[in-house]
Protein backbone atom coordinates (compact mmCIF):
# COMPACT_ATOMS: atom_id res chain seq x y z
CA MET A 1 -93.86 18.84 306.27
CA PHE A 2 -92.64 22.22 305.15
CA THR A 3 -93.79 25.13 303.59
CA TYR A 4 -92.18 28.79 302.77
CA ALA A 5 -92.86 31.19 305.68
CA GLY A 6 -92.12 34.58 304.11
CA HIS A 7 -88.67 34.68 306.04
CA LEU A 8 -85.57 35.39 304.20
CA TYR A 9 -83.53 32.96 306.08
CA PHE A 10 -85.93 30.18 306.51
CA ASP A 11 -87.53 30.27 303.03
CA VAL A 12 -83.76 30.47 301.23
CA GLY A 13 -82.54 27.85 303.57
CA ILE A 14 -85.86 25.35 302.90
CA ALA A 15 -85.33 25.93 299.39
CA THR A 16 -81.54 25.22 299.52
CA ILE A 17 -82.45 21.79 301.21
CA THR A 18 -85.05 21.25 298.74
CA ALA A 19 -82.45 21.58 295.89
CA PHE A 20 -79.66 19.73 297.52
CA VAL A 21 -82.05 16.43 297.72
CA GLY A 22 -83.41 17.02 294.15
CA LYS A 23 -87.01 17.69 295.02
CA ARG A 24 -89.41 20.61 293.85
CA HIS A 25 -91.10 22.03 296.90
CA PRO A 26 -90.39 21.83 300.51
CA SER A 27 -93.74 20.07 301.07
CA GLU A 28 -92.26 16.87 299.54
CA LEU A 29 -89.23 16.89 302.27
CA THR A 30 -88.92 14.16 304.81
CA GLU A 31 -86.85 13.67 307.89
CA ALA A 32 -84.41 11.60 305.92
CA ASP A 33 -83.84 14.56 303.62
CA LEU A 34 -83.09 16.91 306.47
CA GLU A 35 -80.61 14.17 307.58
CA GLN A 36 -79.01 13.91 304.35
CA ILE A 37 -78.00 17.72 304.06
CA ALA A 38 -76.97 17.47 307.84
CA VAL A 39 -74.38 14.88 307.05
CA TYR A 40 -73.22 17.16 304.24
CA MET A 41 -73.10 20.22 306.53
CA GLU A 42 -71.61 18.09 309.50
CA VAL A 43 -68.25 17.66 307.10
CA GLU A 44 -68.10 20.69 305.21
CA TYR A 45 -68.77 23.33 307.97
CA LEU A 46 -66.10 22.06 309.93
CA ARG A 47 -63.27 22.26 307.18
CA GLN A 48 -61.97 24.69 304.81
CA PRO A 49 -62.95 26.64 302.94
CA LEU A 50 -66.22 27.02 304.88
CA ARG A 51 -64.87 26.89 308.08
CA SER A 52 -63.24 30.41 307.28
CA PHE A 53 -66.19 31.65 305.27
CA LEU A 54 -68.98 30.90 307.79
CA THR A 55 -67.43 33.48 309.87
CA VAL A 56 -69.48 36.12 307.69
CA VAL A 57 -72.63 34.45 308.74
CA PHE A 58 -72.22 32.58 311.92
CA PRO A 59 -69.37 34.18 313.87
CA ASN A 60 -68.40 32.76 317.20
CA SER A 61 -70.44 29.83 316.31
CA GLY A 62 -69.04 26.05 316.93
CA PHE A 63 -68.25 25.94 313.24
CA THR A 64 -66.19 29.10 313.38
CA GLN A 65 -64.77 29.65 316.81
CA PRO A 66 -61.06 28.90 316.87
CA ALA A 67 -61.33 27.78 320.38
CA PHE A 68 -63.11 24.73 318.89
CA PHE A 69 -60.55 23.95 316.29
CA GLU A 70 -58.46 22.00 318.49
CA GLN A 71 -61.60 20.18 320.23
CA PRO A 72 -63.10 18.07 317.35
CA GLU A 73 -65.78 16.32 319.99
CA LYS A 74 -67.06 19.85 321.04
CA GLN A 75 -67.50 20.75 317.35
CA ARG A 76 -69.09 17.65 316.63
CA ALA A 77 -71.47 18.22 320.00
CA TYR A 78 -72.29 21.73 318.42
CA ALA A 79 -73.05 20.50 315.03
CA ARG A 80 -75.24 17.74 316.47
CA ASN A 81 -77.19 20.22 318.52
CA VAL A 82 -77.90 22.80 315.70
CA LEU A 83 -78.26 20.39 312.87
CA ARG A 84 -80.06 17.47 314.18
CA SER A 85 -82.65 19.15 316.76
CA PHE A 86 -85.50 18.55 314.07
CA HIS A 87 -85.54 14.80 314.81
CA ALA A 88 -89.34 13.74 315.86
CA GLN A 89 -87.88 12.44 319.33
CA MET A 90 -86.57 15.62 320.45
CA PRO A 91 -88.21 17.22 323.42
CA ARG A 92 -89.91 20.41 322.87
CA THR A 93 -90.63 23.73 324.92
CA GLN A 94 -93.86 25.37 325.27
CA GLU A 95 -92.48 28.44 323.35
CA THR A 96 -93.53 28.84 319.56
CA CYS A 97 -90.95 29.00 316.97
CA VAL A 98 -90.89 32.54 315.39
CA PHE A 99 -90.30 30.95 311.81
CA THR A 100 -92.75 27.73 311.74
CA GLY A 101 -95.24 28.42 314.42
CA LYS A 102 -94.03 24.74 315.95
CA PRO A 103 -93.06 24.35 319.18
CA ALA A 104 -89.24 25.22 319.81
CA THR A 105 -86.74 22.37 320.48
CA ALA A 106 -85.89 21.96 324.06
CA VAL A 107 -82.09 21.16 323.02
CA SER A 108 -79.98 24.22 323.72
CA TYR A 109 -78.05 25.47 320.94
CA ASP A 110 -74.68 25.38 322.92
CA VAL A 111 -72.13 23.12 323.56
CA LYS A 112 -71.82 23.79 327.16
CA GLY A 113 -75.66 23.83 327.51
CA GLU A 114 -75.75 27.23 329.16
CA LEU A 115 -77.94 28.80 326.69
CA PRO A 116 -81.64 28.54 327.23
CA PRO A 117 -83.36 25.77 325.50
CA GLY A 118 -84.48 26.55 321.82
CA ARG A 119 -83.02 29.80 321.77
CA ALA A 120 -80.96 31.47 318.99
CA PHE A 121 -78.76 34.48 318.88
CA ARG A 122 -76.29 35.96 316.37
CA GLN A 123 -74.09 33.14 316.38
CA HIS A 124 -76.94 30.91 315.01
CA VAL A 125 -79.09 33.50 313.19
CA PRO A 126 -77.63 36.17 311.22
CA LEU A 127 -78.18 39.85 312.26
CA LEU A 128 -79.44 39.16 315.59
CA THR A 129 -77.90 40.65 318.52
CA GLY A 130 -75.39 38.55 320.99
CA GLU A 131 -76.34 36.58 324.04
CA ASN A 132 -76.30 39.54 326.71
CA PRO A 133 -78.39 42.32 325.35
CA ILE A 134 -82.24 42.07 326.16
CA ASN A 135 -83.26 44.97 324.08
CA PHE A 136 -85.27 44.14 320.70
CA PHE A 137 -86.60 41.11 322.10
CA PRO A 138 -90.22 40.48 323.61
CA TYR A 139 -90.26 41.27 327.44
CA GLY A 140 -86.63 41.52 327.69
CA ASP A 141 -86.20 37.65 327.28
CA ALA A 142 -82.99 37.54 325.01
CA GLY A 143 -83.13 35.19 322.33
CA LEU A 144 -85.43 33.84 319.45
CA PRO A 145 -87.45 30.69 320.21
CA VAL A 146 -86.34 28.55 317.23
CA SER A 147 -87.58 24.81 316.21
CA GLY A 148 -85.28 21.92 315.22
CA GLU A 149 -86.74 22.43 311.57
CA ALA A 150 -86.00 26.21 311.53
CA MET A 151 -82.56 25.82 312.76
CA ILE A 152 -81.37 23.44 310.10
CA ALA A 153 -82.92 25.69 307.45
CA ILE A 154 -80.95 28.80 308.74
CA GLN A 155 -77.68 26.66 308.89
CA ALA A 156 -78.19 25.59 305.33
CA PHE A 157 -79.12 29.14 304.31
CA PRO A 158 -75.40 30.18 303.27
CA LEU A 159 -75.15 27.34 300.85
CA GLY A 160 -78.22 28.77 298.87
CA CYS A 161 -76.56 32.40 298.84
CA ALA A 162 -73.67 33.67 296.19
CA LYS A 163 -70.32 34.98 297.66
CA ALA A 164 -70.23 38.30 296.62
CA GLY A 165 -67.91 40.96 297.90
CA GLY A 166 -67.01 38.93 300.75
CA ARG A 167 -70.62 39.08 301.79
CA LEU A 168 -73.53 36.89 301.14
CA LEU A 169 -75.90 37.55 298.39
CA ALA A 170 -79.45 36.07 299.24
CA VAL A 171 -82.61 36.14 297.01
CA HIS A 172 -86.17 36.04 298.15
CA SER A 173 -89.20 36.26 295.77
CA ASP A 174 -92.91 35.93 296.30
CA ASN A 175 -92.70 33.35 293.47
CA GLU A 176 -91.67 29.92 294.57
CA GLU A 177 -90.23 28.73 291.62
CA ILE A 178 -88.00 31.69 291.26
CA LEU A 179 -86.97 31.57 294.83
CA LEU A 180 -85.71 27.72 294.36
CA HIS A 181 -84.30 28.51 291.19
CA PHE A 182 -81.95 31.11 292.98
CA ALA A 183 -81.43 28.87 295.88
CA ALA A 184 -80.45 25.86 293.46
CA SER A 185 -78.17 27.96 291.19
CA PHE A 186 -76.08 29.48 294.10
CA LEU A 187 -76.01 26.09 295.69
CA ASN A 188 -74.60 24.53 292.56
CA GLN A 189 -72.12 27.20 292.09
CA ASN A 190 -70.95 26.97 295.93
CA ARG A 191 -70.53 23.18 295.99
CA ARG A 192 -68.26 23.31 292.72
CA LEU A 193 -66.26 26.29 294.45
CA ILE A 194 -65.91 24.33 297.44
CA GLN A 195 -64.67 21.52 295.43
CA LEU A 196 -62.19 23.45 293.71
CA ALA A 197 -60.70 25.09 296.86
CA GLN A 198 -60.27 21.85 298.44
CA GLU A 199 -58.53 20.35 295.43
CA SER A 200 -56.21 23.31 295.29
CA GLY A 201 -55.52 23.61 299.25
CA SER A 202 -56.96 26.85 299.38
CA THR A 203 -58.90 28.05 302.79
CA LYS A 204 -60.87 30.78 300.80
CA LEU A 205 -64.36 30.32 299.01
CA GLN A 206 -64.07 32.41 295.82
CA ASP A 207 -66.11 35.35 295.30
CA SER A 208 -68.70 35.09 292.18
CA HIS A 209 -67.02 36.61 289.12
CA LEU A 210 -69.76 38.52 288.14
CA SER A 211 -70.85 41.97 290.21
CA ARG A 212 -73.95 41.21 292.55
CA ARG A 213 -76.43 43.11 290.28
CA THR A 214 -75.16 41.85 287.20
CA LEU A 215 -75.26 38.23 288.83
CA LEU A 216 -79.09 38.93 290.00
CA VAL A 217 -80.33 39.75 286.60
CA ASP A 218 -78.14 37.05 284.72
CA THR A 219 -79.23 34.31 287.27
CA LEU A 220 -82.86 35.40 286.81
CA LEU A 221 -82.85 35.24 283.02
CA LYS A 222 -81.75 31.79 283.39
CA ALA A 223 -84.84 30.55 285.14
CA SER A 224 -87.19 28.39 283.12
CA ARG A 225 -90.05 30.68 284.24
CA MET A 226 -88.46 33.63 282.33
CA GLN A 227 -87.91 31.73 279.17
CA LYS A 228 -91.14 30.09 278.58
CA GLU A 229 -94.23 31.75 277.20
CA ALA A 230 -96.60 33.65 279.90
CA THR A 231 -100.02 32.28 280.28
CA GLU A 232 -103.33 33.97 281.21
CA ASP A 233 -103.41 32.66 284.71
CA GLU A 234 -99.93 33.52 285.69
CA GLN A 235 -99.33 36.14 288.35
CA PRO A 236 -96.35 38.69 288.17
CA PHE A 237 -93.71 38.68 290.68
CA SER A 238 -90.86 40.64 292.39
CA LEU A 239 -87.57 39.83 293.62
CA THR A 240 -85.52 41.29 296.54
CA ALA A 241 -81.93 40.66 297.24
CA TYR A 242 -79.85 41.17 300.35
CA HIS A 243 -76.40 41.56 300.33
CA LEU A 244 -75.20 41.13 304.08
CA SER A 245 -72.61 40.23 306.48
CA ASN A 246 -72.84 38.99 310.03
CA SER A 247 -69.44 39.46 310.60
CA GLY A 248 -67.96 40.65 313.80
CA GLN A 249 -65.60 42.85 311.99
CA GLY A 250 -68.74 44.84 310.44
CA VAL A 251 -72.23 44.06 310.18
CA SER A 252 -73.82 45.17 306.84
CA LEU A 253 -77.04 45.10 304.81
CA ASP A 254 -77.44 46.44 301.27
CA ILE A 255 -81.16 45.65 299.61
CA TYR A 256 -81.92 45.61 295.98
CA HIS A 257 -85.27 45.38 294.79
CA LEU A 258 -86.65 44.33 291.30
CA PRO A 259 -90.40 45.46 291.00
CA MET A 260 -92.78 43.07 288.84
CA GLU A 261 -93.30 45.78 286.32
CA ILE A 262 -89.38 45.51 285.36
CA ILE A 263 -89.30 41.78 285.67
CA VAL A 264 -92.71 41.81 283.23
CA PHE A 265 -90.64 43.72 280.87
CA LEU A 266 -87.47 41.51 281.15
CA ARG A 267 -89.65 38.33 280.53
CA GLU A 268 -91.17 39.88 277.50
CA MET A 269 -87.75 40.48 276.18
CA GLN A 270 -86.86 36.60 276.34
CA THR A 271 -89.92 36.02 273.91
CA ASP A 272 -89.45 35.40 270.16
CA ALA A 273 -90.67 38.86 269.23
CA TYR A 274 -87.92 40.55 270.96
CA ARG A 275 -85.17 38.13 271.99
CA HIS A 276 -82.78 38.72 268.88
CA GLN A 277 -82.50 42.45 269.08
CA TRP A 278 -82.52 42.69 272.63
CA GLU A 279 -79.89 40.33 273.22
CA ALA A 280 -77.71 42.33 270.80
CA ILE A 281 -78.14 45.29 272.98
CA VAL A 282 -77.39 43.45 276.09
CA GLN A 283 -74.34 41.99 274.42
CA ARG A 284 -72.92 45.36 273.88
CA ALA A 285 -73.54 46.29 277.43
CA TRP A 286 -70.82 43.81 278.75
CA GLU A 287 -67.46 45.55 279.98
CA ARG A 288 -64.49 45.15 278.14
CA ALA A 289 -61.07 44.61 279.01
CA PRO A 290 -59.31 47.60 280.53
CA THR A 291 -56.80 49.52 278.44
CA LYS A 292 -53.00 50.06 279.41
CA LYS A 293 -51.42 53.38 279.18
CA ARG A 294 -50.88 53.18 275.32
CA GLY A 295 -54.38 52.28 274.62
CA LYS A 296 -53.63 48.37 274.19
CA GLN A 297 -56.40 46.33 275.54
CA MET A 298 -55.45 43.88 278.58
CA GLN A 299 -57.19 40.78 276.81
CA ASN A 300 -55.09 37.88 278.62
CA ASP A 301 -57.73 35.74 280.63
CA PHE A 302 -60.15 38.69 280.80
CA GLN A 303 -63.52 37.92 282.09
CA PRO A 304 -66.23 40.71 282.31
CA ARG A 305 -67.59 41.26 285.63
CA ILE A 306 -70.14 43.75 284.76
CA ASN A 307 -73.13 43.92 282.27
CA TRP A 308 -73.72 47.84 282.36
CA LEU A 309 -77.34 47.21 281.30
CA TYR A 310 -77.90 44.81 283.81
CA GLU A 311 -76.56 47.18 286.49
CA ASP A 312 -79.02 50.04 285.40
CA ILE A 313 -81.78 48.08 285.38
CA PHE A 314 -81.72 48.62 289.32
CA SER A 315 -82.11 52.41 288.86
CA LEU A 316 -85.51 52.15 287.08
CA PRO A 317 -87.62 53.38 286.72
CA ASP A 318 -86.19 56.54 288.38
CA ASN A 319 -83.44 56.91 285.65
CA ALA A 320 -85.75 55.68 282.74
CA ARG A 321 -85.01 58.74 280.43
CA MET A 322 -81.11 58.18 280.68
CA PHE A 323 -81.80 54.48 280.24
CA VAL A 324 -83.76 55.03 277.09
CA ARG A 325 -81.13 57.28 275.60
CA THR A 326 -78.35 55.00 276.53
CA TYR A 327 -79.41 51.81 275.19
CA PHE A 328 -82.27 52.39 272.88
CA LEU A 329 -81.07 55.69 271.16
CA ARG A 330 -77.27 54.64 271.34
CA GLN A 331 -76.21 57.97 272.79
CA ALA A 332 -72.82 57.80 274.36
CA LEU A 333 -72.23 58.32 278.14
CA ARG A 334 -69.61 61.10 278.93
CA ALA A 335 -69.47 59.72 282.35
CA ALA A 336 -68.36 56.26 281.50
CA ASN A 337 -64.66 55.38 281.93
CA LEU A 338 -63.70 53.71 278.59
CA GLN A 339 -60.24 53.17 279.98
CA GLN A 340 -61.89 50.86 282.80
CA GLY A 341 -63.66 49.11 280.26
CA ASP A 342 -67.21 50.70 280.38
CA PRO A 343 -68.46 50.44 276.85
CA ARG A 344 -71.33 53.02 277.23
CA GLY A 345 -68.73 55.54 276.38
CA ASP A 346 -68.43 54.38 273.10
CA TYR A 347 -71.84 54.05 272.00
CA SER A 348 -72.70 55.72 268.76
CA LEU A 349 -75.97 55.81 266.92
CA ARG A 350 -74.22 56.45 263.75
CA LYS A 351 -72.68 53.14 264.07
CA GLU A 352 -75.23 51.16 265.98
CA VAL A 353 -78.28 52.20 264.07
CA GLU A 354 -79.33 48.85 263.68
CA LEU A 355 -79.83 48.49 267.27
CA VAL A 356 -82.53 50.99 267.65
CA SER A 357 -85.86 49.38 268.04
CA TRP A 358 -89.27 51.16 268.51
CA LYS A 359 -90.76 47.67 269.30
CA ILE A 360 -88.58 47.24 272.37
CA THR A 361 -88.90 50.91 273.38
CA ALA A 362 -92.68 50.80 273.23
CA ARG A 363 -92.65 47.80 275.39
CA PHE A 364 -90.39 49.69 277.83
CA LEU A 365 -92.83 52.69 277.86
CA ARG A 366 -95.81 50.39 278.73
CA SER A 367 -94.34 47.95 281.16
CA VAL A 368 -91.69 49.92 283.13
CA MET A 369 -92.93 53.67 282.88
CA ASN A 370 -96.59 52.72 282.46
CA MET A 371 -97.09 55.36 279.81
CA GLU A 372 -100.81 55.77 278.34
CA ARG A 373 -101.52 53.63 275.29
CA GLU A 374 -102.59 56.68 273.49
CA ARG A 375 -99.60 58.68 273.94
CA ILE A 376 -97.09 55.89 272.99
CA GLU A 377 -99.25 55.57 269.86
CA GLU A 378 -99.46 59.24 269.35
CA ILE A 379 -95.60 59.23 269.44
CA ARG A 380 -95.39 56.34 267.06
CA LYS A 381 -97.41 58.07 264.41
CA LEU A 382 -95.60 61.26 264.59
CA GLY A 383 -92.40 59.53 264.05
CA ASP A 384 -93.82 57.45 260.85
CA ARG A 385 -94.81 61.02 259.35
CA LEU A 386 -91.52 62.67 260.10
CA ALA A 387 -89.55 60.07 258.92
CA GLU A 388 -91.43 60.19 255.73
CA TYR A 389 -91.18 63.77 255.17
CA VAL A 390 -87.28 63.66 255.90
CA SER A 391 -86.90 60.71 253.72
CA THR A 392 -89.24 62.33 250.61
CA GLU A 393 -87.72 66.04 250.98
CA ASN A 394 -84.29 64.64 252.03
CA ASP A 395 -84.40 67.44 254.69
CA ARG A 396 -81.20 66.94 256.39
CA LYS A 397 -81.27 70.34 258.20
CA PHE A 398 -84.71 69.49 259.68
CA PHE A 399 -83.50 65.99 260.77
CA GLN A 400 -80.19 67.36 262.54
CA GLY A 401 -82.08 70.14 264.10
CA PHE A 402 -84.58 67.55 265.69
CA LEU A 403 -82.05 65.16 266.83
CA ARG A 404 -79.94 68.24 268.53
CA GLU A 405 -82.33 71.02 269.51
CA SER A 406 -82.45 71.26 273.31
CA ARG A 407 -84.58 74.57 273.68
CA TYR A 408 -88.16 73.87 273.52
CA ALA A 409 -89.22 77.48 271.70
CA TYR A 410 -86.76 76.70 268.88
CA PHE A 411 -87.77 72.94 268.77
CA ARG A 412 -91.41 73.89 268.31
CA SER A 413 -90.41 76.64 265.66
CA LEU A 414 -88.48 73.91 263.90
CA LEU A 415 -91.92 71.65 263.74
CA LEU A 416 -93.94 74.67 262.79
CA LYS A 417 -91.82 75.63 259.86
CA ALA A 418 -91.86 71.96 258.39
CA ASN A 419 -95.49 71.98 259.01
CA LEU A 420 -96.00 75.12 257.19
CA ALA A 421 -93.85 74.02 254.35
CA THR A 422 -95.67 70.79 254.06
CA VAL A 423 -98.70 72.32 253.74
CA ARG A 424 -97.61 74.96 251.12
CA ARG A 425 -96.70 72.11 248.92
CA GLY A 426 -100.19 70.83 249.05
CA ASN A 427 -99.84 67.95 251.48
CA PRO A 428 -101.56 67.45 254.68
CA PRO A 429 -100.05 68.95 257.90
CA LEU A 430 -97.21 66.82 259.54
CA VAL A 431 -98.37 67.63 262.83
CA THR A 432 -101.76 68.58 264.19
CA LEU A 433 -102.89 70.16 267.29
CA ASP A 434 -104.22 67.52 269.45
CA PRO A 435 -101.81 64.74 268.90
CA TYR A 436 -98.78 67.55 269.40
CA ILE A 437 -100.03 68.34 272.55
CA THR A 438 -100.70 64.56 273.74
CA VAL A 439 -96.72 64.15 272.93
CA PHE A 440 -95.17 67.63 273.77
CA GLU A 441 -97.34 69.99 275.93
CA ASP A 442 -99.54 70.08 278.90
CA GLY A 443 -101.48 72.94 277.44
CA ASP A 444 -101.39 75.81 274.89
CA GLU A 445 -97.67 76.66 274.41
CA VAL A 446 -96.76 75.00 277.88
CA ALA A 447 -94.16 72.38 277.34
CA ARG A 448 -94.42 68.96 279.14
CA SER A 449 -91.55 68.83 281.61
CA ASP A 450 -90.56 65.75 279.90
CA TRP A 451 -90.56 67.03 276.32
CA SER A 452 -87.08 66.31 275.34
CA PHE A 453 -87.79 62.75 276.36
CA ALA A 454 -90.89 62.60 274.18
CA ARG A 455 -88.38 63.98 271.49
CA ASP A 456 -86.11 61.28 272.08
CA LEU A 457 -89.12 58.62 271.76
CA VAL A 458 -90.19 60.07 268.44
CA LEU A 459 -86.50 60.16 267.34
CA ILE A 460 -86.14 56.48 268.12
CA ARG A 461 -89.13 55.71 265.68
CA MET A 462 -87.83 58.25 262.95
CA ILE A 463 -84.56 56.81 263.00
CA GLU A 464 -85.95 52.79 262.92
CA ARG A 465 -88.09 54.08 259.79
CA LEU A 466 -85.21 55.94 257.91
CA HIS A 467 -82.77 52.98 258.50
CA GLU A 468 -85.51 50.69 257.17
CA SER A 469 -85.77 53.00 254.15
CA GLY A 470 -82.15 53.25 253.19
CA TRP A 471 -82.12 57.23 253.98
CA LEU A 472 -79.80 57.10 256.89
CA ARG A 473 -77.21 54.68 254.76
CA ARG A 474 -77.00 57.19 252.23
CA ASN A 475 -77.00 60.12 254.55
CA SER A 476 -75.04 58.62 257.77
CA ASP A 477 -73.16 61.92 258.25
CA ALA A 478 -76.12 63.52 259.03
CA ILE A 479 -76.02 62.05 262.69
CA PRO A 480 -73.44 63.65 264.88
CA ASP A 481 -71.40 61.43 267.07
CA GLU A 482 -70.98 63.08 270.40
CA ARG A 483 -71.79 62.13 274.10
CA VAL A 484 -74.70 62.92 276.17
CA GLU A 485 -74.66 64.95 279.43
CA ASP A 486 -72.89 63.44 282.36
CA MET A 487 -74.59 61.06 284.89
CA GLU A 488 -73.96 59.26 287.79
CA PHE A 489 -73.76 55.50 287.72
CA ASP A 490 -73.16 53.18 290.54
CA GLN A 491 -70.90 50.24 289.83
CA GLY A 492 -71.85 47.13 291.58
């Protein structure tokens, strides 16, 4: 009966109906299923807390217009028009629904019957214009032709969204399983919050306790598709979230996108090869209880809202270098507000060396940054050779210089001196020309613009190997404990 149409409102709405009746795909829906959710909405949309909350999505509709509250018959008539115009016996117009391609309904989505039959406006479909403006519509003919099937899907749309910051958070994906997962997750959460509000007598639907970007990643990672091993014929997918308000007090729309490269990486991190160490990194990124003036943490009933790693994922790949330094090299972030519970300001390579993982870093470079395999392999080999040199020669000075030097000429000189000393001892050189150029230079003595990032990557491999050999345990004071440069991070 139904299929996804590629439009946010319709797809999320029809996925919500599918989840509500316990089915797996819109093609399984029947008219009886639509009737089942229509009965639920007819009751819940006309009472609190949804009656107040729906002003964010359907302002001035029969569900939210105060003039209707004292006229239950009019409200029921409005609900019947917008929720039950899908019935097969309902008359249709000659116009085609913009969402489904089916004939639009001949029913007016208006209690008074003054609106054109089958035409929807802002009170029916979010972010449209009102009834009077004729611009932005074909031929200056106000309103959109909508079928009864599309109308009930759009009315179900807010049930499949999370409430975040007083607005709707809706998620769309080119993967139907993920689309259904988000709609089902948010539907279950909303039904629980609706029940809690009614039991307590509250007129407000509670916001999600997680920030919107943290909520998106946290919900995504709970999807069964993200947790099972990938098969060869599985196609990668992307995800786009819309944080919107249709309120008369202020229309707004923010869009967050997770491209397939990042989702592939996140999925790989759920596999057995990476999960244990990745989850340890993620766990250290949750916000802490804020501190009072005397430095004591406010622990009573504190629930973390933000996972900073999840938040910073949305800045990728643009902010990949800082992401690697912060989470994989465990460099403290000076911009982080420790008093407000941001743990990144307290990261310490010296204290958290067990979290440094070349395996995770290499997958990140390949999946998210699309770095060439040859360069990744040369970085690994160089890290291995330098780690062996530091451990064998106990060269603390070289290690500290490699870790802290910010000027390329001095950094290059540091490597040349170590190389020369190694050769004088009758050993093969630590670094040869071609691999060095692959990692650090664009040409003869011309540093790559990202040479310091390449140094961080080599350092990650060095530290992992030095930790495994026990050298860092014996020389932990060789690692300085300081913060990296300031960097702007947007809180969700």
